């Protein structure tokens, strides 16, 4: 798998903390859906951190899905193209420092892949539970649709 130049869809979050685990829920559903184009891989990235560095080095395009605590309405989906650690939302939930540090390390190493980050605004970080709140559960299909649209657009560009 080393040297892969494809796309990796990576869900980030803590599956045991309710809405904070939306990235994992989306990744799991995408993997089971069989709707992904050929050559696209999916990974449960857990709570992020430096153990994910090898995946960022293997793929030239990473699609991240994560929860964020911000001023947006709960369930708001935003797509961000972070190039620097400062491009991430100010509060990337419980693993904020790990992802930002990872991006900084990739920049220093000169191995920064193209990143598309889908963030979903959540109201709070719940202490326990694997279930999403109804507000966040309702936007999961929308996040999946946005990811599939992005992948289709990328595939169309590569075909030209």
N, C-alpha and C. Protein backbone atom coordinates (compact mmCIF):
# COMPACT_ATOMS: atom_id res chain seq x y z
N UNK A 1 0.81 -1.19 0.00
CA UNK A 1 0.00 0.00 0.00
C UNK A 1 0.86 1.26 0.00
N UNK A 2 2.13 1.17 0.38
CA UNK A 2 2.98 2.35 0.39
C UNK A 2 3.16 2.84 -1.04
N UNK A 3 3.10 4.16 -1.19
CA UNK A 3 3.23 4.74 -2.51
C UNK A 3 1.88 4.94 -3.19
N UNK A 4 0.80 4.64 -2.52
CA UNK A 4 -0.54 4.83 -3.08
C UNK A 4 -0.74 6.30 -3.39
N UNK A 5 -1.30 6.59 -4.54
CA UNK A 5 -1.55 7.98 -4.91
C UNK A 5 -3.03 8.26 -5.04
N UNK A 6 -3.85 7.47 -4.42
CA UNK A 6 -5.29 7.63 -4.52
C UNK A 6 -5.86 8.53 -3.45
N UNK A 7 -7.12 8.30 -3.16
CA UNK A 7 -7.85 9.09 -2.17
C UNK A 7 -8.19 8.23 -0.96
N UNK A 8 -8.04 8.82 0.20
CA UNK A 8 -8.42 8.18 1.45
C UNK A 8 -9.49 9.03 2.11
N UNK A 9 -10.62 8.40 2.46
CA UNK A 9 -11.66 9.06 3.24
C UNK A 9 -11.44 8.63 4.69
N UNK A 10 -11.19 9.60 5.56
CA UNK A 10 -10.85 9.29 6.95
C UNK A 10 -11.82 9.99 7.91
N UNK A 11 -12.53 9.18 8.67
CA UNK A 11 -13.38 9.71 9.72
C UNK A 11 -12.58 9.90 10.98
N UNK A 12 -12.71 11.07 11.59
CA UNK A 12 -11.99 11.40 12.81
C UNK A 12 -13.01 11.61 13.92
N UNK A 13 -12.68 11.17 15.13
CA UNK A 13 -13.56 11.42 16.26
C UNK A 13 -13.53 10.29 17.26
N UNK A 14 -14.25 10.50 18.33
CA UNK A 14 -14.34 9.49 19.38
C UNK A 14 -15.74 8.87 19.30
N UNK A 15 -15.80 7.67 18.81
CA UNK A 15 -17.06 6.96 18.58
C UNK A 15 -17.87 6.81 19.87
N UNK A 16 -17.21 6.81 21.01
CA UNK A 16 -17.88 6.58 22.29
C UNK A 16 -18.45 7.87 22.91
N UNK A 17 -18.29 8.99 22.20
CA UNK A 17 -18.73 10.27 22.78
C UNK A 17 -19.81 10.94 21.93
N UNK A 18 -20.79 10.17 21.50
CA UNK A 18 -21.94 10.73 20.80
C UNK A 18 -21.58 11.46 19.53
N UNK A 19 -22.05 12.69 19.39
CA UNK A 19 -21.87 13.46 18.16
C UNK A 19 -20.41 13.71 17.81
N UNK A 20 -19.53 13.67 18.80
CA UNK A 20 -18.10 13.86 18.56
C UNK A 20 -17.57 12.77 17.61
N UNK A 21 -18.30 11.67 17.49
CA UNK A 21 -17.89 10.56 16.63
C UNK A 21 -18.50 10.57 15.25
N UNK A 22 -19.07 11.69 14.82
CA UNK A 22 -19.72 11.71 13.50
C UNK A 22 -18.78 11.29 12.37
N UNK A 23 -17.53 11.67 12.45
CA UNK A 23 -16.58 11.29 11.40
C UNK A 23 -16.47 9.78 11.25
N UNK A 24 -16.47 9.08 12.37
CA UNK A 24 -16.39 7.62 12.36
C UNK A 24 -17.69 7.02 11.80
N UNK A 25 -18.82 7.57 12.21
CA UNK A 25 -20.11 7.09 11.70
C UNK A 25 -20.19 7.24 10.18
N UNK A 26 -19.77 8.40 9.67
CA UNK A 26 -19.81 8.64 8.22
C UNK A 26 -18.88 7.68 7.50
N UNK A 27 -17.66 7.52 8.01
CA UNK A 27 -16.70 6.61 7.36
C UNK A 27 -17.23 5.18 7.33
N UNK A 28 -17.79 4.73 8.45
CA UNK A 28 -18.34 3.36 8.50
C UNK A 28 -19.47 3.17 7.50
N UNK A 29 -20.35 4.14 7.40
CA UNK A 29 -21.47 4.02 6.47
C UNK A 29 -21.02 4.10 5.02
N UNK A 30 -20.04 4.94 4.75
CA UNK A 30 -19.50 5.01 3.39
C UNK A 30 -18.86 3.69 3.00
N UNK A 31 -18.11 3.11 3.91
CA UNK A 31 -17.44 1.85 3.62
C UNK A 31 -18.44 0.74 3.32
N UNK A 32 -19.56 0.72 4.03
CA UNK A 32 -20.58 -0.31 3.84
C UNK A 32 -21.47 -0.04 2.63
N UNK A 33 -21.49 1.20 2.15
CA UNK A 33 -22.44 1.59 1.11
C UNK A 33 -22.12 1.04 -0.27
N UNK A 34 -20.86 0.74 -0.52
CA UNK A 34 -20.42 0.26 -1.84
C UNK A 34 -20.61 1.32 -2.92
N UNK A 35 -20.71 2.58 -2.56
CA UNK A 35 -20.90 3.66 -3.51
C UNK A 35 -19.60 4.37 -3.89
N UNK A 36 -18.51 3.97 -3.27
CA UNK A 36 -17.25 4.65 -3.51
C UNK A 36 -16.63 4.25 -4.84
N UNK A 37 -16.03 5.21 -5.53
CA UNK A 37 -15.35 4.87 -6.79
C UNK A 37 -14.18 3.92 -6.53
N UNK A 38 -13.79 3.22 -7.54
CA UNK A 38 -12.64 2.31 -7.47
C UNK A 38 -11.41 3.08 -7.02
N UNK A 39 -10.64 2.48 -6.14
CA UNK A 39 -9.40 3.09 -5.70
C UNK A 39 -9.52 4.05 -4.53
N UNK A 40 -10.72 4.22 -4.01
CA UNK A 40 -10.91 5.09 -2.84
C UNK A 40 -10.95 4.19 -1.61
N UNK A 41 -10.12 4.51 -0.63
CA UNK A 41 -10.06 3.75 0.62
C UNK A 41 -10.75 4.53 1.74
N UNK A 42 -11.16 3.81 2.78
CA UNK A 42 -11.82 4.41 3.93
C UNK A 42 -11.09 3.96 5.19
N UNK A 43 -10.95 4.88 6.15
CA UNK A 43 -10.26 4.57 7.39
C UNK A 43 -10.97 5.23 8.57
N UNK A 44 -11.10 4.47 9.65
CA UNK A 44 -11.54 5.01 10.93
C UNK A 44 -10.27 5.57 11.57
N UNK A 45 -10.15 6.90 11.57
CA UNK A 45 -8.94 7.55 12.09
C UNK A 45 -8.96 7.79 13.58
N UNK A 46 -10.04 7.36 14.24
CA UNK A 46 -10.12 7.53 15.69
C UNK A 46 -9.98 8.98 16.10
N UNK A 47 -9.18 9.21 17.11
CA UNK A 47 -9.03 10.57 17.64
C UNK A 47 -7.81 11.29 17.06
N UNK A 48 -7.37 10.84 15.90
CA UNK A 48 -6.30 11.55 15.21
C UNK A 48 -4.95 11.36 15.87
N UNK A 49 -4.06 12.26 15.58
CA UNK A 49 -2.73 12.23 16.17
C UNK A 49 -1.68 11.70 15.23
N UNK A 50 -0.47 11.62 15.74
CA UNK A 50 0.68 11.29 14.90
C UNK A 50 0.67 9.87 14.37
N UNK A 51 -0.10 8.97 14.96
CA UNK A 51 -0.15 7.60 14.43
C UNK A 51 -0.79 7.58 13.04
N UNK A 52 -1.44 8.67 12.63
CA UNK A 52 -2.06 8.75 11.30
C UNK A 52 -1.10 9.29 10.23
N UNK A 53 0.09 9.71 10.63
CA UNK A 53 1.04 10.32 9.72
C UNK A 53 1.30 9.45 8.49
N UNK A 54 1.45 8.15 8.70
CA UNK A 54 1.76 7.26 7.58
C UNK A 54 0.68 7.29 6.51
N UNK A 55 -0.58 7.47 6.89
CA UNK A 55 -1.66 7.53 5.91
C UNK A 55 -1.61 8.81 5.10
N UNK A 56 -1.23 9.90 5.76
CA UNK A 56 -1.10 11.18 5.06
C UNK A 56 0.07 11.14 4.08
N UNK A 57 1.06 10.31 4.37
CA UNK A 57 2.21 10.16 3.46
C UNK A 57 1.89 9.24 2.29
N UNK A 58 0.95 8.34 2.44
CA UNK A 58 0.64 7.35 1.40
C UNK A 58 -0.29 7.87 0.31
N UNK A 59 -1.18 8.77 0.67
CA UNK A 59 -2.22 9.21 -0.26
C UNK A 59 -1.98 10.65 -0.68
N UNK A 60 -2.32 10.95 -1.94
CA UNK A 60 -2.16 12.33 -2.38
C UNK A 60 -3.41 13.16 -2.15
N UNK A 61 -4.52 12.52 -1.75
CA UNK A 61 -5.77 13.23 -1.45
C UNK A 61 -6.41 12.58 -0.23
N UNK A 62 -6.67 13.38 0.79
CA UNK A 62 -7.32 12.91 2.01
C UNK A 62 -8.61 13.70 2.21
N UNK A 63 -9.70 12.98 2.43
CA UNK A 63 -10.96 13.61 2.81
C UNK A 63 -11.19 13.28 4.28
N UNK A 64 -11.18 14.31 5.12
CA UNK A 64 -11.40 14.14 6.55
C UNK A 64 -12.83 14.53 6.90
N UNK A 65 -13.42 13.82 7.84
CA UNK A 65 -14.74 14.17 8.36
C UNK A 65 -14.59 14.25 9.87
N UNK A 66 -15.04 15.38 10.44
CA UNK A 66 -14.86 15.58 11.88
C UNK A 66 -15.96 16.47 12.43
N UNK A 67 -16.14 16.38 13.72
CA UNK A 67 -17.06 17.27 14.44
C UNK A 67 -16.30 18.51 14.87
N UNK A 68 -17.03 19.60 15.03
CA UNK A 68 -16.42 20.82 15.56
C UNK A 68 -17.39 21.55 16.47
N UNK A 69 -16.84 22.13 17.52
CA UNK A 69 -17.61 23.00 18.41
C UNK A 69 -17.35 24.43 17.93
N UNK A 70 -18.36 25.07 17.41
CA UNK A 70 -18.18 26.41 16.89
C UNK A 70 -19.47 27.21 17.04
N UNK A 71 -19.54 28.35 16.43
CA UNK A 71 -20.71 29.22 16.59
C UNK A 71 -21.79 28.93 15.56
N UNK A 72 -21.58 27.94 14.70
CA UNK A 72 -22.57 27.60 13.68
C UNK A 72 -23.72 26.78 14.28
N UNK A 73 -24.85 26.80 13.60
CA UNK A 73 -26.01 26.04 14.02
C UNK A 73 -25.65 24.55 14.04
N UNK A 74 -26.10 23.84 15.05
CA UNK A 74 -25.86 22.40 15.14
C UNK A 74 -26.30 21.72 13.84
N UNK A 75 -25.42 20.90 13.29
CA UNK A 75 -25.71 20.20 12.05
C UNK A 75 -25.20 20.91 10.81
N UNK A 76 -24.62 22.10 10.97
CA UNK A 76 -24.05 22.80 9.81
C UNK A 76 -22.86 22.02 9.28
N UNK A 77 -22.83 21.83 7.97
CA UNK A 77 -21.74 21.12 7.31
C UNK A 77 -20.93 22.15 6.53
N UNK A 78 -19.62 22.15 6.76
CA UNK A 78 -18.74 23.05 6.00
C UNK A 78 -17.60 22.25 5.41
N UNK A 79 -17.21 22.61 4.19
CA UNK A 79 -16.03 21.99 3.57
C UNK A 79 -14.91 23.03 3.59
N UNK A 80 -13.79 22.62 4.14
CA UNK A 80 -12.62 23.49 4.27
C UNK A 80 -11.46 22.82 3.54
N UNK A 81 -10.62 23.62 2.89
CA UNK A 81 -9.41 23.11 2.25
C UNK A 81 -8.21 23.60 3.06
N UNK A 82 -7.91 22.93 4.18
CA UNK A 82 -6.80 23.39 5.02
C UNK A 82 -5.44 23.12 4.37
N UNK A 83 -4.62 24.13 4.35
CA UNK A 83 -3.25 23.99 3.86
C UNK A 83 -2.25 24.14 5.01
N UNK A 84 -2.72 24.80 6.08
CA UNK A 84 -1.88 25.04 7.25
C UNK A 84 -2.68 24.69 8.49
N UNK A 85 -2.01 24.45 9.59
CA UNK A 85 -2.69 24.11 10.84
C UNK A 85 -3.68 25.20 11.24
N UNK A 86 -3.36 26.45 10.93
CA UNK A 86 -4.24 27.56 11.29
C UNK A 86 -5.52 27.59 10.47
N UNK A 87 -5.60 26.81 9.39
CA UNK A 87 -6.81 26.77 8.57
C UNK A 87 -7.90 25.90 9.18
N UNK A 88 -7.56 25.11 10.20
CA UNK A 88 -8.56 24.28 10.86
C UNK A 88 -9.43 25.17 11.74
N UNK A 89 -10.69 24.78 11.93
CA UNK A 89 -11.55 25.56 12.84
C UNK A 89 -10.90 25.68 14.21
N UNK A 90 -11.23 26.74 14.94
CA UNK A 90 -10.57 26.98 16.23
C UNK A 90 -10.81 25.90 17.27
N UNK A 91 -11.92 25.18 17.20
CA UNK A 91 -12.20 24.15 18.21
C UNK A 91 -12.56 22.85 17.52
N UNK A 92 -11.56 22.05 17.26
CA UNK A 92 -11.79 20.77 16.59
C UNK A 92 -12.05 19.68 17.61
N UNK A 93 -12.90 19.93 18.55
CA UNK A 93 -13.33 19.00 19.58
C UNK A 93 -12.16 18.47 20.41
N UNK A 94 -12.23 17.22 20.85
CA UNK A 94 -11.27 16.72 21.83
C UNK A 94 -9.89 16.40 21.27
N UNK A 95 -9.72 16.39 19.96
CA UNK A 95 -8.44 16.01 19.38
C UNK A 95 -7.83 17.14 18.57
N UNK A 96 -8.18 18.37 18.90
CA UNK A 96 -7.73 19.56 18.20
C UNK A 96 -6.21 19.60 18.01
N UNK A 97 -5.47 19.44 19.08
CA UNK A 97 -4.02 19.58 19.03
C UNK A 97 -3.40 18.51 18.14
N UNK A 98 -3.87 17.28 18.21
CA UNK A 98 -3.29 16.20 17.42
C UNK A 98 -3.36 16.44 15.92
N UNK A 99 -4.51 16.86 15.40
CA UNK A 99 -4.64 17.10 13.97
C UNK A 99 -3.82 18.30 13.52
N UNK A 100 -3.86 19.36 14.30
CA UNK A 100 -3.09 20.55 13.93
C UNK A 100 -1.60 20.25 13.94
N UNK A 101 -1.15 19.50 14.93
CA UNK A 101 0.27 19.12 14.99
C UNK A 101 0.65 18.21 13.82
N UNK A 102 -0.25 17.33 13.46
CA UNK A 102 -0.01 16.44 12.33
C UNK A 102 0.18 17.24 11.04
N UNK A 103 -0.69 18.21 10.81
CA UNK A 103 -0.58 19.05 9.61
C UNK A 103 0.74 19.83 9.63
N UNK A 104 1.11 20.35 10.78
CA UNK A 104 2.38 21.07 10.89
C UNK A 104 3.55 20.14 10.56
N UNK A 105 3.51 18.91 11.05
CA UNK A 105 4.57 17.94 10.76
C UNK A 105 4.65 17.64 9.27
N UNK A 106 3.50 17.49 8.63
CA UNK A 106 3.48 17.22 7.19
C UNK A 106 4.09 18.37 6.40
N UNK A 107 3.81 19.59 6.84
CA UNK A 107 4.39 20.77 6.18
C UNK A 107 5.91 20.76 6.33
N UNK A 108 6.38 20.49 7.53
CA UNK A 108 7.83 20.47 7.78
C UNK A 108 8.51 19.39 6.94
N UNK A 109 7.84 18.23 6.82
CA UNK A 109 8.40 17.13 6.04
C UNK A 109 8.24 17.32 4.53
N UNK A 110 7.46 18.32 4.14
CA UNK A 110 7.21 18.55 2.71
C UNK A 110 6.35 17.46 2.10
N UNK A 111 5.45 16.87 2.88
CA UNK A 111 4.63 15.75 2.42
C UNK A 111 3.14 16.04 2.58
N UNK A 112 2.75 17.29 2.43
CA UNK A 112 1.36 17.67 2.64
C UNK A 112 0.51 17.23 1.44
N UNK A 113 -0.45 16.33 1.67
CA UNK A 113 -1.35 15.93 0.58
C UNK A 113 -2.44 16.99 0.40
N UNK A 114 -3.22 16.83 -0.64
CA UNK A 114 -4.41 17.67 -0.79
C UNK A 114 -5.41 17.19 0.26
N UNK A 115 -5.96 18.12 1.04
CA UNK A 115 -6.91 17.76 2.09
C UNK A 115 -8.22 18.50 1.87
N UNK A 116 -9.31 17.77 1.95
CA UNK A 116 -10.65 18.34 2.02
C UNK A 116 -11.19 17.93 3.37
N UNK A 117 -11.57 18.90 4.17
CA UNK A 117 -12.06 18.65 5.52
C UNK A 117 -13.54 19.02 5.59
N UNK A 118 -14.36 18.03 5.90
CA UNK A 118 -15.78 18.28 6.14
C UNK A 118 -15.98 18.33 7.65
N UNK A 119 -16.41 19.48 8.15
CA UNK A 119 -16.70 19.60 9.57
C UNK A 119 -18.20 19.75 9.76
N UNK A 120 -18.67 19.12 10.82
CA UNK A 120 -20.09 19.21 11.19
C UNK A 120 -20.15 19.84 12.57
N UNK A 121 -20.90 20.93 12.66
CA UNK A 121 -21.04 21.63 13.94
C UNK A 121 -21.90 20.82 14.89
N UNK A 122 -21.37 20.62 16.10
CA UNK A 122 -22.12 19.92 17.14
C UNK A 122 -22.36 20.87 18.30
N UNK A 123 -23.34 20.56 19.12
CA UNK A 123 -23.70 21.44 20.24
C UNK A 123 -22.79 21.24 21.44
N UNK A 124 -22.49 19.99 21.77
CA UNK A 124 -21.67 19.69 22.95
C UNK A 124 -20.92 18.39 22.71
N UNK A 125 -19.96 18.15 23.56
CA UNK A 125 -19.29 16.84 23.57
C UNK A 125 -19.94 16.03 24.67
N UNK A 126 -20.63 14.99 24.27
CA UNK A 126 -21.29 14.12 25.23
C UNK A 126 -20.25 13.20 25.87
N UNK A 127 -20.47 12.84 27.10
CA UNK A 127 -19.50 12.04 27.81
C UNK A 127 -19.54 10.56 27.45
N UNK A 128 -20.71 10.04 27.11
CA UNK A 128 -20.82 8.62 26.79
C UNK A 128 -21.87 8.40 25.73
N UNK A 129 -21.75 7.30 25.03
CA UNK A 129 -22.78 6.89 24.10
C UNK A 129 -22.31 6.85 22.67
N UNK A 130 -22.73 5.81 21.96
CA UNK A 130 -22.33 5.66 20.56
C UNK A 130 -23.39 6.18 19.59
N UNK A 131 -24.53 6.58 20.11
CA UNK A 131 -25.60 7.08 19.26
C UNK A 131 -25.41 8.57 18.99
N UNK A 132 -25.75 8.97 17.77
CA UNK A 132 -25.75 10.38 17.42
C UNK A 132 -27.07 11.00 17.84
N UNK A 133 -27.06 12.29 18.16
CA UNK A 133 -28.32 12.97 18.46
C UNK A 133 -29.14 13.04 17.17
N UNK A 134 -30.46 13.21 17.28
CA UNK A 134 -31.29 13.28 16.07
C UNK A 134 -30.85 14.37 15.09
N UNK A 135 -30.40 15.52 15.61
CA UNK A 135 -29.96 16.62 14.73
C UNK A 135 -28.74 16.22 13.90
N UNK A 136 -27.82 15.52 14.50
CA UNK A 136 -26.60 15.12 13.79
C UNK A 136 -26.86 13.89 12.92
N UNK A 137 -27.65 12.96 13.40
CA UNK A 137 -28.02 11.79 12.60
C UNK A 137 -28.68 12.23 11.30
N UNK A 138 -29.49 13.28 11.37
CA UNK A 138 -30.22 13.76 10.19
C UNK A 138 -29.30 14.31 9.10
N UNK A 139 -28.09 14.78 9.46
CA UNK A 139 -27.21 15.35 8.44
C UNK A 139 -26.19 14.34 7.89
N UNK A 140 -26.12 13.15 8.48
CA UNK A 140 -25.16 12.15 7.99
C UNK A 140 -25.35 11.86 6.50
N UNK A 141 -26.59 11.65 5.99
CA UNK A 141 -26.75 11.42 4.55
C UNK A 141 -26.26 12.61 3.71
N UNK A 142 -26.41 13.82 4.23
CA UNK A 142 -25.94 15.00 3.50
C UNK A 142 -24.42 15.04 3.41
N UNK A 143 -23.74 14.67 4.51
CA UNK A 143 -22.28 14.62 4.50
C UNK A 143 -21.82 13.57 3.48
N UNK A 144 -22.46 12.42 3.49
CA UNK A 144 -22.11 11.35 2.55
C UNK A 144 -22.32 11.83 1.12
N UNK A 145 -23.43 12.49 0.84
CA UNK A 145 -23.70 13.02 -0.50
C UNK A 145 -22.62 14.01 -0.93
N UNK A 146 -22.21 14.89 -0.01
CA UNK A 146 -21.19 15.88 -0.35
C UNK A 146 -19.85 15.21 -0.65
N UNK A 147 -19.52 14.18 0.09
CA UNK A 147 -18.27 13.45 -0.16
C UNK A 147 -18.32 12.74 -1.51
N UNK A 148 -19.44 12.06 -1.78
CA UNK A 148 -19.58 11.36 -3.06
C UNK A 148 -19.55 12.34 -4.24
N UNK A 149 -20.13 13.51 -4.07
CA UNK A 149 -20.09 14.54 -5.12
C UNK A 149 -18.65 15.00 -5.35
N UNK A 150 -17.93 15.24 -4.27
CA UNK A 150 -16.53 15.64 -4.39
C UNK A 150 -15.71 14.57 -5.11
N UNK A 151 -15.91 13.32 -4.74
CA UNK A 151 -15.18 12.22 -5.38
C UNK A 151 -15.52 12.13 -6.86
N UNK A 152 -16.79 12.30 -7.22
CA UNK A 152 -17.21 12.24 -8.62
C UNK A 152 -16.58 13.40 -9.41
N UNK A 153 -16.54 14.59 -8.82
CA UNK A 153 -15.92 15.72 -9.48
C UNK A 153 -14.44 15.49 -9.70
N UNK A 154 -13.77 14.94 -8.68
CA UNK A 154 -12.34 14.65 -8.81
C UNK A 154 -12.08 13.60 -9.88
N UNK A 155 -12.93 12.59 -9.92
CA UNK A 155 -12.80 11.53 -10.93
C UNK A 155 -13.00 12.11 -12.33
N UNK A 156 -13.97 13.02 -12.47
CA UNK A 156 -14.23 13.65 -13.77
C UNK A 156 -13.05 14.49 -14.20
N UNK A 157 -12.44 15.20 -13.28
CA UNK A 157 -11.26 16.04 -13.61
C UNK A 157 -10.10 15.16 -14.04
N UNK A 158 -9.89 14.04 -13.34
CA UNK A 158 -8.80 13.13 -13.68
C UNK A 158 -9.02 12.47 -15.04
N UNK A 159 -10.27 12.31 -15.45
CA UNK A 159 -10.58 11.66 -16.72
C UNK A 159 -10.31 12.58 -17.91
N UNK A 160 -10.21 13.88 -17.66
CA UNK A 160 -10.00 14.85 -18.75
C UNK A 160 -8.58 14.79 -19.23
